[in-house]
């Protein structure tokens, strides 16, 4: 498993961030205990949380238009 995480850790972390099956803090904790590099962790986290961030930002912006 360790060799697989070293080889494809970015993709595993990206999938966990995108699908959010495991709580965010637990994914971060598991990534810290794994041999994944810091650059891969930062890139996978940035890309993985982007869709949810955009969705929540859009929803928050639309709250101002509910009463109109």
N, C-alpha and C. Protein backbone atom coordinates (compact mmCIF):
# COMPACT_ATOMS: atom_id res chain seq x y z
N UNK A 1 0.84 -1.19 0.00
CA UNK A 1 0.00 0.00 0.00
C UNK A 1 0.87 1.25 0.00
N UNK A 2 1.96 1.19 0.76
CA UNK A 2 2.84 2.35 0.85
C UNK A 2 3.42 2.71 -0.52
N UNK A 3 3.84 1.70 -1.27
CA UNK A 3 4.39 1.97 -2.60
C UNK A 3 3.33 2.55 -3.53
N UNK A 4 2.11 2.08 -3.42
CA UNK A 4 1.02 2.60 -4.25
C UNK A 4 0.71 4.05 -3.90
N UNK A 5 0.77 4.40 -2.64
CA UNK A 5 0.52 5.78 -2.23
C UNK A 5 1.65 6.68 -2.69
N UNK A 6 2.88 6.20 -2.63
CA UNK A 6 4.01 6.99 -3.12
C UNK A 6 3.86 7.24 -4.61
N UNK A 7 3.42 6.22 -5.35
CA UNK A 7 3.30 6.33 -6.81
C UNK A 7 2.07 7.13 -7.23
N UNK A 8 0.92 6.92 -6.57
CA UNK A 8 -0.35 7.54 -7.01
C UNK A 8 -1.05 8.29 -5.88
N UNK A 9 -0.30 8.78 -4.94
CA UNK A 9 -0.89 9.45 -3.79
C UNK A 9 -1.70 10.68 -4.15
N UNK A 10 -1.24 11.42 -5.15
CA UNK A 10 -1.95 12.61 -5.60
C UNK A 10 -3.37 12.26 -6.02
N UNK A 11 -3.52 11.19 -6.81
CA UNK A 11 -4.83 10.82 -7.35
C UNK A 11 -5.76 10.29 -6.26
N UNK A 12 -5.21 9.55 -5.30
CA UNK A 12 -6.03 9.08 -4.19
C UNK A 12 -6.53 10.25 -3.35
N UNK A 13 -5.63 11.17 -3.05
CA UNK A 13 -6.01 12.33 -2.25
C UNK A 13 -7.00 13.21 -2.99
N UNK A 14 -6.79 13.39 -4.27
CA UNK A 14 -7.72 14.19 -5.07
C UNK A 14 -9.11 13.56 -5.07
N UNK A 15 -9.18 12.26 -5.23
CA UNK A 15 -10.48 11.58 -5.21
C UNK A 15 -11.16 11.73 -3.85
N UNK A 16 -10.41 11.60 -2.78
CA UNK A 16 -11.00 11.76 -1.45
C UNK A 16 -11.50 13.18 -1.21
N UNK A 17 -10.78 14.16 -1.73
CA UNK A 17 -11.21 15.56 -1.59
C UNK A 17 -12.45 15.85 -2.44
N UNK A 18 -12.49 15.32 -3.66
CA UNK A 18 -13.62 15.60 -4.56
C UNK A 18 -14.91 14.94 -4.09
N UNK A 19 -14.83 13.69 -3.66
CA UNK A 19 -16.05 12.95 -3.33
C UNK A 19 -16.47 13.09 -1.87
N UNK A 20 -15.61 13.56 -1.02
CA UNK A 20 -15.92 13.88 0.38
C UNK A 20 -16.65 12.75 1.10
N UNK A 21 -16.18 11.53 0.92
CA UNK A 21 -16.76 10.40 1.63
C UNK A 21 -16.24 10.30 3.06
N UNK A 22 -15.04 10.80 3.26
CA UNK A 22 -14.41 10.80 4.57
C UNK A 22 -14.31 12.26 5.02
N UNK A 23 -14.54 12.56 6.30
CA UNK A 23 -14.45 13.95 6.77
C UNK A 23 -13.09 14.58 6.43
N UNK A 24 -13.13 15.88 6.18
CA UNK A 24 -11.98 16.63 5.71
C UNK A 24 -10.79 16.49 6.65
N UNK A 25 -11.03 16.62 7.95
CA UNK A 25 -9.92 16.56 8.90
C UNK A 25 -9.29 15.17 8.94
N UNK A 26 -10.09 14.13 8.71
CA UNK A 26 -9.56 12.78 8.72
C UNK A 26 -8.69 12.52 7.49
N UNK A 27 -9.09 13.05 6.34
CA UNK A 27 -8.28 12.92 5.13
C UNK A 27 -6.95 13.64 5.33
N UNK A 28 -6.98 14.79 5.94
CA UNK A 28 -5.75 15.55 6.21
C UNK A 28 -4.84 14.78 7.16
N UNK A 29 -5.44 14.20 8.20
CA UNK A 29 -4.66 13.41 9.15
C UNK A 29 -4.03 12.19 8.49
N UNK A 30 -4.80 11.48 7.69
CA UNK A 30 -4.27 10.32 6.99
C UNK A 30 -3.18 10.69 5.99
N UNK A 31 -3.34 11.84 5.34
CA UNK A 31 -2.31 12.30 4.41
C UNK A 31 -1.03 12.65 5.15
N UNK A 32 -1.17 13.20 6.34
CA UNK A 32 0.02 13.53 7.14
C UNK A 32 0.77 12.28 7.56
N UNK A 33 0.07 11.20 7.77
CA UNK A 33 0.71 9.95 8.18
C UNK A 33 1.22 9.13 6.99
N UNK A 34 0.86 9.52 5.80
CA UNK A 34 1.27 8.78 4.61
C UNK A 34 2.56 9.39 4.05
N UNK A 35 3.19 8.68 3.11
CA UNK A 35 4.43 9.21 2.52
C UNK A 35 4.21 10.19 1.37
N UNK A 36 3.05 10.81 1.27
CA UNK A 36 2.77 11.74 0.18
C UNK A 36 3.60 13.01 0.38
N UNK A 37 4.08 13.56 -0.73
CA UNK A 37 4.90 14.77 -0.65
C UNK A 37 4.03 16.00 -0.41
N UNK A 38 4.62 17.04 0.15
CA UNK A 38 3.89 18.26 0.46
C UNK A 38 3.33 18.91 -0.79
N UNK A 39 4.09 18.95 -1.88
CA UNK A 39 3.62 19.56 -3.11
C UNK A 39 2.38 18.83 -3.65
N UNK A 40 2.39 17.50 -3.58
CA UNK A 40 1.23 16.73 -4.03
C UNK A 40 0.03 16.98 -3.13
N UNK A 41 0.26 17.07 -1.83
CA UNK A 41 -0.82 17.34 -0.88
C UNK A 41 -1.47 18.69 -1.17
N UNK A 42 -0.66 19.72 -1.35
CA UNK A 42 -1.18 21.07 -1.58
C UNK A 42 -1.93 21.13 -2.91
N UNK A 43 -1.37 20.54 -3.95
CA UNK A 43 -2.02 20.58 -5.26
C UNK A 43 -3.34 19.81 -5.25
N UNK A 44 -3.35 18.61 -4.67
CA UNK A 44 -4.58 17.81 -4.63
C UNK A 44 -5.64 18.48 -3.78
N UNK A 45 -5.24 19.10 -2.69
CA UNK A 45 -6.20 19.80 -1.84
C UNK A 45 -6.78 21.02 -2.56
N UNK A 46 -5.93 21.80 -3.20
CA UNK A 46 -6.40 23.00 -3.91
C UNK A 46 -7.36 22.64 -5.03
N UNK A 47 -7.02 21.62 -5.81
CA UNK A 47 -7.89 21.22 -6.91
C UNK A 47 -9.15 20.54 -6.39
N UNK A 48 -9.00 19.74 -5.35
CA UNK A 48 -10.12 18.96 -4.83
C UNK A 48 -11.19 19.77 -4.13
N UNK A 49 -10.81 20.87 -3.49
CA UNK A 49 -11.83 21.67 -2.80
C UNK A 49 -12.41 22.77 -3.67
N UNK A 50 -11.85 22.95 -4.86
CA UNK A 50 -12.33 24.03 -5.73
C UNK A 50 -13.80 23.90 -6.13
N UNK A 51 -14.30 22.73 -6.56
CA UNK A 51 -15.72 22.65 -6.95
C UNK A 51 -16.68 23.00 -5.81
N UNK A 52 -16.42 22.49 -4.62
CA UNK A 52 -17.29 22.81 -3.49
C UNK A 52 -17.20 24.28 -3.11
N UNK A 53 -16.00 24.85 -3.18
CA UNK A 53 -15.83 26.27 -2.88
C UNK A 53 -16.62 27.13 -3.86
N UNK A 54 -16.53 26.82 -5.13
CA UNK A 54 -17.28 27.58 -6.13
C UNK A 54 -18.79 27.43 -5.93
N UNK A 55 -19.23 26.23 -5.62
CA UNK A 55 -20.65 25.98 -5.40
C UNK A 55 -21.16 26.76 -4.19
N UNK A 56 -20.44 26.70 -3.09
CA UNK A 56 -20.87 27.43 -1.90
C UNK A 56 -20.80 28.94 -2.10
N UNK A 57 -19.81 29.42 -2.84
CA UNK A 57 -19.71 30.85 -3.12
C UNK A 57 -20.88 31.32 -3.97
N UNK A 58 -21.24 30.52 -4.97
CA UNK A 58 -22.37 30.86 -5.81
C UNK A 58 -23.67 30.85 -5.01
N UNK A 59 -23.84 29.83 -4.17
CA UNK A 59 -25.06 29.75 -3.36
C UNK A 59 -25.14 30.94 -2.39
N UNK A 60 -24.03 31.31 -1.81
CA UNK A 60 -24.03 32.45 -0.91
C UNK A 60 -24.34 33.76 -1.62
N UNK A 61 -23.84 33.91 -2.83
CA UNK A 61 -24.13 35.12 -3.60
C UNK A 61 -25.60 35.19 -3.98
N UNK A 62 -26.23 34.05 -4.21
CA UNK A 62 -27.64 34.02 -4.59
C UNK A 62 -28.57 34.27 -3.41
N UNK A 63 -28.08 34.14 -2.19
CA UNK A 63 -28.93 34.40 -1.02
C UNK A 63 -29.41 35.84 -0.98
N UNK A 64 -28.64 36.75 -1.52
CA UNK A 64 -29.03 38.15 -1.55
C UNK A 64 -30.20 38.41 -2.48
N UNK A 65 -30.45 37.52 -3.42
CA UNK A 65 -31.52 37.71 -4.40
C UNK A 65 -32.79 36.97 -4.05
N UNK A 66 -32.82 36.27 -2.93
CA UNK A 66 -34.01 35.48 -2.57
C UNK A 66 -35.21 36.38 -2.29
N UNK A 67 -35.02 37.48 -1.62
CA UNK A 67 -36.13 38.36 -1.25
C UNK A 67 -36.60 39.24 -2.40
N UNK A 68 -35.85 39.31 -3.49
CA UNK A 68 -36.23 40.20 -4.58
C UNK A 68 -37.00 39.48 -5.66
